[in-house]
Amino acid sequence: MSTDAAPTQSPPLNNPPPLPVWRTALFGVQHVLVMYTGCVAVPLVFGAALGLDSSTIATLVNADLLVAGVITLVQALGIGKLLGARMPVVAGASFTAVTPMILIGEEYGLSAVYGAMIAAGIFGMLVAVPFSKLVRFFPPMVRGAAVTMIGLSLIGKAVSMTFGDEPAGGAPLALAAGVVLTIIALMKYGRGLIAQSAVLIALVLGTLAAAALSLTDFGAVGSAAWFGLPNPFLFGTPTFPIAGIISMCLVMLVIFTESTAYLMATADNLGRPLDRKQLARGLSADGASAVLAGFLTSFPDTIFAQNVSLVRMTGVASRGAVAVAGGLLVALGLVPKMGEVVANLPGPVIGSVSLVMFATVAGVGIATLARVDYSRNDNLLVVSLAMGIGMIPVVAPEVYEGLPSAVRIIAGGAITSTVIVAFVLNLLFNHLLTTRTPKESAA
C-alpha cells in the first residue's frame, strides 16, 4: 500500500468538498475504530502495572474515552481563540505518559500521579504559545525522525494486540493476514467510498470471519451498564510532589513535540502551512486535556497517529467527520455497554488494522525524512543517531533498568530519546555551530 499519496480518485485535500451527512457519520465511525484500541490500551497498561482491580481499570477506560472525545471535539471545532487547532485530527491518550505515570505511582502513590498531571497541564497551557514559536527548530529531519520512531515503536503493540501471549500461527495469523490483504486490495482497486472505507470494511469483514472461527466473545456486553459517569479524584485528593511535577512537565513537552509533528503533517496533507496561532491553540488543547484528565482520573491526550494516517490514506479531511468521532468517544465514555462492544473486537482484527496504521505512520515519517538534504553529513548524522539511540529501548530495554527513575523517564522511551537527540543535534549543528542556512525544505 502506498503512503506517498491519497488514492487518485480522492479529491484534493487542500480543497475538500462538503460530505453528505451519512458519509460524515461513516467516516467518523471509522476514525473511532482505528484509534479505539490504542486509546484504551493506555489505561489497561497503567492499571495492570500498578495492580488495580478490573472495576477500577474499567472506570479509567470510561474516563479515558470521555476526555479523548471532549478534546477531539475541541481540536476539530475550537473554542474561540483559546483552544483547538480546528483541523481534522483526533485526540487520544498518549503512550508517552504511561511509563512516567507508573514510576510516579510506585514512588509517591496514585494521588500524586494526578496532582502532577494537573500541574503539567497548567504548565502546558502556559507554554503553548512560546513553544509554538520554536517551529523553526523542528525541521523535517526532527519531525520525520520523531514520526518514524512513533510508528516503528508501536508496531510491537500491534503484534501483541493480534496474538496476545500466544505464538503466531493458526487461525489468528490467517485472520490477521486476511484483514491486511483486504485493506490492500480495497485501497488499490477500490473506487470512491469503497477505497475510503477500506479500514472499516476490513474491520467488519474480519469480525464476521472471527465469529465464524469462534474467535469472538461479546459476553461482557450484556452485563455492562447503559450509563456511567467517571469518578472525579478516584484516588483521593491530588498531591503535588516536585519530582513528579517535573517529570510530567517533561512529558508534556514531548507530547507537544508529537502533536507539533502531526499537526504539521496534517497541514502538509491539506496543502497549506500551519499557522503559529493555530499550532498554539492545538497545543493548548493538549495541556487542557491533562488538566481535565487530572480531575477525571484519566490520561493526557495527544494527536493520534493512526488518524493522521487515515486522513492521508483516504483523502477525507473532514472536520465534521472528526467531530462525529469526538461525539462517539464521549458516548462510549458515558455508555459502558457501547464501549464493551468496541473493546471486544477480536484481537487479530484490531491488531492487524493497527499494524497497517502504525506502519503507515512510519511511512509518513520516512516521506518527511526524504525532504532532508543528506549531502550535508551533519544532517545524515542527526537522523542516524536519533533513530539509532531511539531504537535502544525497543530492542534492549534492559539497558536502562539500573538507571534512576528520572533518567529512565526520558532515556527509556523510544520516542522521547529520538526527539531529544534529533532536536539537540539539529540545534547544535544547524544553529549554534554554523552560520549557514540549513538546506532542508522549509517546515
Protein backbone atom coordinates (compact mmCIF):
# COMPACT_ATOMS: atom_id res chain seq x y z
CA MET A 1 0.00 0.00 0.00
CA SER A 2 1.45 3.38 -0.99
CA THR A 3 1.79 6.06 1.68
CA ASP A 4 3.05 8.88 -0.54
CA ALA A 5 -0.33 9.91 -1.91
CA ALA A 6 -4.02 9.53 -1.33
CA PRO A 7 -5.97 7.32 -3.75
CA THR A 8 -6.04 9.00 -7.15
CA GLN A 9 -9.82 9.15 -7.21
CA SER A 10 -9.98 11.09 -3.93
CA PRO A 11 -10.50 14.88 -4.03
CA PRO A 12 -7.52 17.14 -3.26
CA LEU A 13 -7.05 17.53 0.48
CA ASN A 14 -6.42 21.25 0.18
CA ASN A 15 -9.96 21.81 -1.10
CA PRO A 16 -12.18 19.09 0.41
CA PRO A 17 -15.83 19.29 -0.69
CA PRO A 18 -18.57 19.01 1.94
CA LEU A 19 -19.65 15.46 2.65
CA PRO A 20 -23.22 14.16 2.90
CA VAL A 21 -24.35 13.57 6.47
CA TRP A 22 -24.32 9.79 6.17
CA ARG A 23 -20.76 9.76 4.80
CA THR A 24 -19.62 12.14 7.52
CA ALA A 25 -21.06 9.75 10.11
CA LEU A 26 -19.48 6.74 8.40
CA PHE A 27 -16.01 8.29 8.36
CA GLY A 28 -16.46 9.37 11.98
CA VAL A 29 -17.11 5.75 12.95
CA GLN A 30 -14.02 4.69 11.00
CA HIS A 31 -11.89 7.21 12.92
CA VAL A 32 -13.08 5.78 16.25
CA LEU A 33 -12.48 2.18 15.23
CA VAL A 34 -8.89 2.73 14.11
CA MET A 35 -7.88 4.56 17.31
CA TYR A 36 -10.03 2.90 19.97
CA THR A 37 -7.74 0.06 20.95
CA GLY A 38 -4.67 2.28 21.07
CA CYS A 39 -6.56 4.72 23.27
CA VAL A 40 -7.87 2.20 25.79
CA ALA A 41 -4.54 0.35 25.85
CA VAL A 42 -3.11 3.19 27.96
CA PRO A 43 -5.39 2.67 31.00
CA LEU A 44 -5.11 -1.10 30.58
CA VAL A 45 -1.29 -1.00 30.71
CA PHE A 46 -1.25 1.57 33.52
CA GLY A 47 -3.79 -0.33 35.62
CA ALA A 48 -2.07 -3.68 35.17
CA ALA A 49 1.35 -2.23 36.07
CA LEU A 50 0.02 -0.79 39.36
CA GLY A 51 -2.12 -3.81 40.25
CA LEU A 52 -5.52 -2.12 40.00
CA ASP A 53 -8.65 -4.29 40.03
CA SER A 54 -10.78 -4.74 36.91
CA SER A 55 -13.60 -2.45 38.03
CA THR A 56 -11.15 0.38 38.70
CA ILE A 57 -9.50 -0.15 35.33
CA ALA A 58 -12.95 -0.07 33.69
CA THR A 59 -13.57 3.31 35.33
CA LEU A 60 -10.24 4.57 33.98
CA VAL A 61 -11.20 3.37 30.49
CA ASN A 62 -14.52 5.25 30.57
CA ALA A 63 -12.82 8.43 31.78
CA ASP A 64 -10.13 8.00 29.12
CA LEU A 65 -12.69 7.81 26.31
CA LEU A 66 -14.68 10.75 27.67
CA VAL A 67 -11.64 13.04 27.84
CA ALA A 68 -10.47 11.91 24.38
CA GLY A 69 -13.91 12.72 22.96
CA VAL A 70 -14.05 16.16 24.54
CA ILE A 71 -10.55 17.11 23.35
CA THR A 72 -11.23 15.73 19.86
CA LEU A 73 -14.28 18.00 19.64
CA VAL A 74 -12.16 20.91 20.84
CA GLN A 75 -9.45 20.19 18.25
CA ALA A 76 -11.97 19.87 15.42
CA LEU A 77 -14.31 22.76 16.27
CA GLY A 78 -12.22 25.01 18.51
CA ILE A 79 -13.18 27.20 21.48
CA GLY A 80 -12.88 30.79 20.33
CA LYS A 81 -9.27 31.92 20.00
CA LEU A 82 -8.18 29.89 23.03
CA LEU A 83 -8.23 26.17 22.33
CA GLY A 84 -8.28 23.81 19.37
CA ALA A 85 -6.42 23.69 16.06
CA ARG A 86 -9.65 23.42 14.04
CA MET A 87 -8.15 20.63 11.96
CA PRO A 88 -9.23 17.05 11.13
CA VAL A 89 -7.24 15.44 13.95
CA VAL A 90 -8.34 13.01 16.65
CA ALA A 91 -7.01 13.16 20.22
CA GLY A 92 -6.29 10.12 22.37
CA ALA A 93 -4.38 9.04 25.47
CA SER A 94 -0.63 9.35 24.99
CA PHE A 95 1.62 6.33 25.45
CA THR A 96 4.43 8.77 26.22
CA ALA A 97 2.91 9.43 29.64
CA VAL A 98 2.46 5.81 30.72
CA THR A 99 5.96 5.00 31.99
CA PRO A 100 6.38 8.25 33.97
CA MET A 101 2.91 7.82 35.50
CA ILE A 102 3.76 4.29 36.60
CA LEU A 103 7.04 5.45 38.15
CA ILE A 104 5.32 8.33 39.98
CA GLY A 105 2.58 6.00 41.20
CA GLU A 106 5.10 3.50 42.54
CA GLU A 107 7.15 6.20 44.24
CA TYR A 108 4.52 8.62 45.56
CA GLY A 109 1.11 6.97 45.19
CA LEU A 110 -1.76 7.37 42.76
CA SER A 111 -2.92 10.71 44.15
CA ALA A 112 0.48 12.13 43.18
CA VAL A 113 0.07 10.88 39.60
CA TYR A 114 -2.99 13.03 39.05
CA GLY A 115 -1.70 16.01 41.02
CA ALA A 116 1.42 16.04 38.85
CA MET A 117 -0.77 15.69 35.77
CA ILE A 118 -2.88 18.72 36.68
CA ALA A 119 0.25 20.79 37.30
CA ALA A 120 1.77 19.65 34.00
CA GLY A 121 -1.44 20.50 32.16
CA ILE A 122 -1.40 24.04 33.55
CA PHE A 123 2.28 24.28 32.60
CA GLY A 124 1.42 23.11 29.09
CA MET A 125 -1.29 25.72 28.63
CA LEU A 126 1.12 28.43 29.79
CA VAL A 127 3.97 27.43 27.46
CA ALA A 128 1.89 26.54 24.37
CA VAL A 129 2.37 29.96 22.76
CA PRO A 130 6.15 30.15 23.43
CA PHE A 131 6.55 26.55 22.23
CA SER A 132 4.69 27.34 19.00
CA LYS A 133 7.36 29.94 18.20
CA LEU A 134 10.04 27.24 18.14
CA VAL A 135 8.75 25.60 14.95
CA ARG A 136 11.91 26.54 13.06
CA PHE A 137 13.81 24.22 15.41
CA PHE A 138 11.63 21.31 14.22
CA PRO A 139 12.62 20.95 10.55
CA PRO A 140 11.75 17.84 8.50
CA MET A 141 14.64 15.78 9.91
CA VAL A 142 13.49 16.30 13.52
CA ARG A 143 9.80 15.80 12.73
CA GLY A 144 10.49 12.90 10.39
CA ALA A 145 12.69 11.08 12.90
CA ALA A 146 10.05 11.53 15.61
CA VAL A 147 7.13 10.34 13.46
CA THR A 148 9.10 7.39 12.05
CA MET A 149 10.07 6.26 15.55
CA ILE A 150 6.50 6.59 16.79
CA GLY A 151 5.34 4.25 14.03
CA LEU A 152 8.16 1.74 14.49
CA SER A 153 7.88 1.65 18.28
CA LEU A 154 4.13 0.97 18.13
CA ILE A 155 4.36 -1.98 15.73
CA GLY A 156 5.22 -4.29 18.62
CA LYS A 157 1.99 -3.26 20.35
CA ALA A 158 0.04 -4.09 17.19
CA VAL A 159 1.58 -7.56 17.15
CA SER A 160 0.71 -8.01 20.85
CA MET A 161 -2.89 -7.00 20.11
CA THR A 162 -3.03 -9.55 17.31
CA PHE A 163 -1.62 -12.61 19.06
CA GLY A 164 -1.59 -11.79 22.78
CA ASP A 165 0.64 -14.23 24.62
CA GLU A 166 0.08 -17.00 22.08
CA PRO A 167 2.67 -17.95 19.42
CA ALA A 168 1.89 -16.58 15.97
CA GLY A 169 0.15 -19.10 13.77
CA GLY A 170 -3.08 -20.89 13.02
CA ALA A 171 -6.41 -19.10 12.73
CA PRO A 172 -5.29 -15.76 14.29
CA LEU A 173 -2.43 -15.45 11.79
CA ALA A 174 -4.67 -16.34 8.86
CA LEU A 175 -7.34 -13.89 10.03
CA ALA A 176 -4.81 -11.08 10.54
CA ALA A 177 -3.27 -11.70 7.12
CA GLY A 178 -6.73 -11.70 5.55
CA VAL A 179 -7.57 -8.32 7.12
CA VAL A 180 -4.31 -6.78 5.89
CA LEU A 181 -4.81 -8.19 2.38
CA THR A 182 -8.38 -6.87 2.34
CA ILE A 183 -7.19 -3.35 3.17
CA ILE A 184 -4.51 -3.56 0.46
CA ALA A 185 -6.97 -4.80 -2.16
CA LEU A 186 -9.61 -2.19 -1.34
CA MET A 187 -7.08 0.65 -1.28
CA LYS A 188 -5.52 -0.49 -4.56
CA TYR A 189 -8.57 -1.48 -6.58
CA GLY A 190 -11.48 0.18 -4.78
CA ARG A 191 -13.10 3.36 -6.02
CA GLY A 192 -14.54 6.32 -4.15
CA LEU A 193 -16.30 5.36 -0.93
CA ILE A 194 -15.05 1.76 -1.11
CA ALA A 195 -11.39 2.81 -1.04
CA GLN A 196 -12.02 5.50 1.57
CA SER A 197 -13.81 3.00 3.84
CA ALA A 198 -11.22 0.24 3.39
CA VAL A 199 -10.31 0.06 7.08
CA LEU A 200 -13.93 -0.01 8.23
CA ILE A 201 -14.88 -2.68 5.68
CA ALA A 202 -11.89 -4.81 6.69
CA LEU A 203 -12.86 -4.49 10.36
CA VAL A 204 -16.44 -5.61 9.71
CA LEU A 205 -15.46 -8.49 7.43
CA GLY A 206 -12.69 -9.53 9.82
CA THR A 207 -15.06 -9.56 12.79
CA LEU A 208 -17.58 -11.68 10.87
CA ALA A 209 -14.82 -14.10 9.92
CA ALA A 210 -13.63 -14.19 13.55
CA ALA A 211 -17.15 -15.04 14.69
CA ALA A 212 -17.25 -17.91 12.22
CA LEU A 213 -13.94 -19.15 13.65
CA SER A 214 -15.21 -18.80 17.26
CA LEU A 215 -12.62 -16.08 17.97
CA THR A 216 -15.10 -13.53 19.33
CA ASP A 217 -16.50 -13.10 22.82
CA PHE A 218 -19.04 -10.35 23.43
CA GLY A 219 -20.29 -11.85 26.69
CA ALA A 220 -19.28 -8.82 28.74
CA VAL A 221 -21.57 -6.56 26.73
CA GLY A 222 -24.73 -7.86 28.37
CA SER A 223 -23.55 -7.16 31.91
CA ALA A 224 -22.23 -3.66 31.15
CA ALA A 225 -24.27 -0.66 32.30
CA TRP A 226 -26.07 1.61 29.86
CA PHE A 227 -24.90 4.80 31.52
CA GLY A 228 -21.97 5.70 33.75
CA LEU A 229 -20.06 8.81 34.80
CA PRO A 230 -16.34 8.99 35.59
CA ASN A 231 -15.44 9.32 39.25
CA PRO A 232 -13.53 12.60 39.88
CA PHE A 233 -10.49 12.23 42.14
CA LEU A 234 -10.98 8.47 42.26
CA PHE A 235 -7.74 8.04 44.23
CA GLY A 236 -8.28 10.86 46.69
CA THR A 237 -7.22 14.49 46.90
CA PRO A 238 -4.33 15.13 44.48
CA THR A 239 -0.84 15.63 45.90
CA PHE A 240 1.95 17.53 44.19
CA PRO A 241 5.47 16.09 44.66
CA ILE A 242 8.07 18.28 42.95
CA ALA A 243 9.86 15.37 41.25
CA GLY A 244 6.57 14.08 39.87
CA ILE A 245 5.61 17.52 38.56
CA ILE A 246 8.96 17.97 36.82
CA SER A 247 8.67 14.53 35.23
CA MET A 248 5.16 15.19 33.92
CA CYS A 249 6.15 18.65 32.64
CA LEU A 250 8.90 16.99 30.60
CA VAL A 251 6.32 14.52 29.33
CA MET A 252 4.09 17.43 28.33
CA LEU A 253 6.92 18.92 26.24
CA VAL A 254 7.40 15.58 24.48
CA ILE A 255 3.64 15.38 23.86
CA PHE A 256 3.86 18.88 22.37
CA THR A 257 6.61 17.65 20.06
CA GLU A 258 4.47 14.71 18.93
CA SER A 259 1.42 16.90 18.34
CA THR A 260 3.50 19.52 16.52
CA ALA A 261 4.80 16.85 14.15
CA TYR A 262 1.29 15.55 13.46
CA LEU A 263 -0.34 18.97 13.10
CA MET A 264 2.37 19.92 10.61
CA ALA A 265 1.95 16.61 8.77
CA THR A 266 -1.80 17.20 8.59
CA ALA A 267 -1.23 20.75 7.34
CA ASP A 268 1.06 19.31 4.64
CA ASN A 269 -1.71 16.87 3.69
CA LEU A 270 -4.16 19.77 3.47
CA GLY A 271 -1.76 21.69 1.24
CA ARG A 272 -1.40 24.74 3.44
CA PRO A 273 1.10 25.96 6.04
CA LEU A 274 0.36 25.58 9.74
CA ASP A 275 -0.34 28.98 11.27
CA ARG A 276 1.58 29.63 14.50
CA LYS A 277 -1.57 30.70 16.37
CA GLN A 278 -3.33 27.58 15.13
CA LEU A 279 -0.47 25.44 16.44
CA ALA A 280 -0.57 27.21 19.81
CA ARG A 281 -4.30 26.56 20.12
CA GLY A 282 -3.77 22.90 19.29
CA LEU A 283 -1.03 22.54 21.89
CA SER A 284 -3.13 24.39 24.47
CA ALA A 285 -5.81 21.74 23.94
CA ASP A 286 -3.21 19.08 24.82
CA GLY A 287 -2.47 20.96 28.04
CA ALA A 288 -6.17 21.28 28.79
CA SER A 289 -6.54 17.52 28.31
CA ALA A 290 -4.05 16.90 31.13
CA VAL A 291 -5.91 19.28 33.47
CA LEU A 292 -9.26 17.65 32.66
CA ALA A 293 -7.72 14.17 32.92
CA GLY A 294 -6.26 15.02 36.33
CA PHE A 295 -9.71 15.84 37.65
CA LEU A 296 -11.49 12.90 35.99
CA THR A 297 -8.74 10.31 36.63
CA SER A 298 -7.80 9.87 33.01
CA PHE A 299 -4.68 10.46 30.88
CA PRO A 300 -3.17 13.37 28.92
CA ASP A 301 -4.01 13.34 25.21
CA THR A 302 -2.02 13.90 22.06
CA ILE A 303 -2.86 13.91 18.35
CA PHE A 304 -3.34 10.27 17.36
CA ALA A 305 -1.01 8.92 14.71
CA GLN A 306 -3.49 6.37 13.36
CA ASN A 307 -5.99 9.06 12.44
CA VAL A 308 -3.43 11.30 10.79
CA SER A 309 -2.53 8.27 8.67
CA LEU A 310 -6.20 7.57 7.97
CA VAL A 311 -6.71 11.09 6.59
CA ARG A 312 -3.68 10.63 4.35
CA MET A 313 -4.76 7.17 3.19
CA THR A 314 -8.40 8.00 2.44
CA GLY A 315 -8.10 11.63 1.30
CA VAL A 316 -11.04 12.53 3.57
CA ALA A 317 -10.03 15.63 5.54
CA SER A 318 -13.41 16.42 7.09
CA ARG A 319 -13.56 18.23 10.43
CA GLY A 320 -17.20 17.19 10.57
CA ALA A 321 -16.20 13.51 10.48
CA VAL A 322 -13.70 14.13 13.28
CA ALA A 323 -16.37 15.93 15.30
CA VAL A 324 -18.61 12.87 14.85
CA ALA A 325 -15.72 10.74 16.14
CA GLY A 326 -15.40 13.02 19.18
CA GLY A 327 -19.12 12.70 19.89
CA LEU A 328 -18.92 8.92 19.59
CA LEU A 329 -15.97 8.80 22.01
CA VAL A 330 -17.95 10.85 24.53
CA ALA A 331 -20.86 8.44 24.12
CA LEU A 332 -18.54 5.44 24.56
CA GLY A 333 -17.20 7.04 27.73
CA LEU A 334 -20.69 7.62 29.12
CA VAL A 335 -22.26 4.35 27.90
CA PRO A 336 -20.11 1.43 29.08
CA LYS A 337 -22.21 -1.06 27.11
CA MET A 338 -21.26 0.63 23.83
CA GLY A 339 -17.64 0.71 24.91
CA GLU A 340 -17.68 -3.00 25.61
CA VAL A 341 -18.82 -3.76 22.06
CA VAL A 342 -15.82 -1.99 20.55
CA ALA A 343 -13.45 -3.17 23.28
CA ASN A 344 -14.27 -6.78 22.47
CA LEU A 345 -13.48 -6.65 18.78
CA PRO A 346 -11.26 -9.69 18.15
CA GLY A 347 -7.55 -9.11 18.74
CA PRO A 348 -6.36 -10.44 15.35
CA VAL A 349 -8.68 -8.00 13.61
CA ILE A 350 -7.97 -4.82 15.56
CA GLY A 351 -4.29 -5.72 15.85
CA SER A 352 -3.80 -6.22 12.13
CA VAL A 353 -5.60 -2.94 11.38
CA SER A 354 -3.36 -1.22 13.92
CA LEU A 355 -0.32 -2.76 12.22
CA VAL A 356 -1.34 -1.12 8.94
CA MET A 357 -1.96 2.21 10.69
CA PHE A 358 1.33 2.18 12.63
CA ALA A 359 3.28 1.12 9.54
CA THR A 360 1.67 4.00 7.66
CA VAL A 361 2.77 6.34 10.45
CA ALA A 362 6.35 5.16 9.94
CA GLY A 363 5.88 5.64 6.20
CA VAL A 364 4.73 9.23 6.71
CA GLY A 365 7.85 9.81 8.80
CA ILE A 366 10.06 8.31 6.10
CA ALA A 367 8.39 10.53 3.48
CA THR A 368 9.19 13.54 5.68
CA LEU A 369 12.80 12.40 6.05
CA ALA A 370 13.02 12.21 2.24
CA ARG A 371 12.83 16.02 2.21
CA VAL A 372 16.13 16.30 4.10
CA ASP A 373 19.29 17.33 2.23
CA TYR A 374 21.69 14.48 3.03
CA SER A 375 24.52 15.99 1.00
CA ARG A 376 25.44 17.57 4.31
CA ASN A 377 26.91 14.91 6.56
CA ASP A 378 25.63 16.78 9.61
CA ASN A 379 22.03 16.05 8.63
CA LEU A 380 22.73 12.37 7.98
CA LEU A 381 24.43 12.12 11.37
CA VAL A 382 21.49 13.76 13.14
CA VAL A 383 18.95 11.37 11.64
CA SER A 384 21.14 8.29 12.05
CA LEU A 385 21.98 8.90 15.71
CA ALA A 386 18.43 9.91 16.62
CA MET A 387 16.98 6.73 15.09
CA GLY A 388 19.76 4.50 16.45
CA ILE A 389 19.51 5.75 20.02
CA GLY A 390 15.73 5.75 19.80
CA MET A 391 15.74 2.06 18.93
CA ILE A 392 17.68 1.07 22.07
CA PRO A 393 14.60 0.96 24.35
CA VAL A 394 12.82 -1.11 21.70
CA VAL A 395 15.50 -3.76 21.14
CA ALA A 396 17.24 -3.73 24.54
CA PRO A 397 15.03 -2.13 27.24
CA GLU A 398 17.10 -3.77 29.99
CA VAL A 399 19.91 -1.30 29.27
CA TYR A 400 18.08 1.36 31.29
CA GLU A 401 16.86 -0.75 34.20
CA GLY A 402 19.66 0.24 36.58
CA LEU A 403 19.34 3.99 35.97
CA PRO A 404 17.49 6.41 38.29
CA SER A 405 13.78 6.71 37.56
CA ALA A 406 14.16 10.34 36.40
CA VAL A 407 16.65 9.23 33.75
CA ARG A 408 14.53 6.27 32.67
CA ILE A 409 11.55 8.57 32.15
CA ILE A 410 13.48 10.35 29.39
CA ALA A 411 16.08 7.94 28.01
CA GLY A 412 13.98 4.81 28.47
CA GLY A 413 11.38 5.84 25.91
CA ALA A 414 11.98 5.33 22.19
CA ILE A 415 10.01 8.43 21.22
CA THR A 416 11.41 10.75 23.89
CA SER A 417 15.03 9.77 23.26
CA THR A 418 14.63 10.14 19.48
CA VAL A 419 13.10 13.59 19.81
CA ILE A 420 15.71 14.81 22.28
CA VAL A 421 18.68 13.55 20.23
CA ALA A 422 17.30 14.92 16.94
CA PHE A 423 16.39 18.28 18.47
CA VAL A 424 19.69 18.78 20.31
CA LEU A 425 21.92 17.70 17.40
CA ASN A 426 19.96 19.81 14.91
CA LEU A 427 20.23 22.80 17.25
CA LEU A 428 23.95 22.19 17.66
CA PHE A 429 24.90 21.53 14.03
CA ASN A 430 22.47 23.77 12.15
CA HIS A 431 22.01 26.73 14.50
CA LEU A 432 24.78 27.10 17.08
CA LEU A 433 27.91 25.90 15.29
CA THR A 434 27.21 27.22 11.81
CA THR A 435 26.14 30.41 10.13
CA ARG A 436 24.87 28.56 7.08
CA THR A 437 21.16 28.25 6.43
CA PRO A 438 20.09 24.58 6.55
CA LYS A 439 19.36 23.29 3.05
CA GLU A 440 16.29 21.39 4.08
CA SER A 441 12.86 22.12 2.79
CA ALA A 442 11.05 24.72 4.81
CA ALA A 443 8.88 23.37 7.58
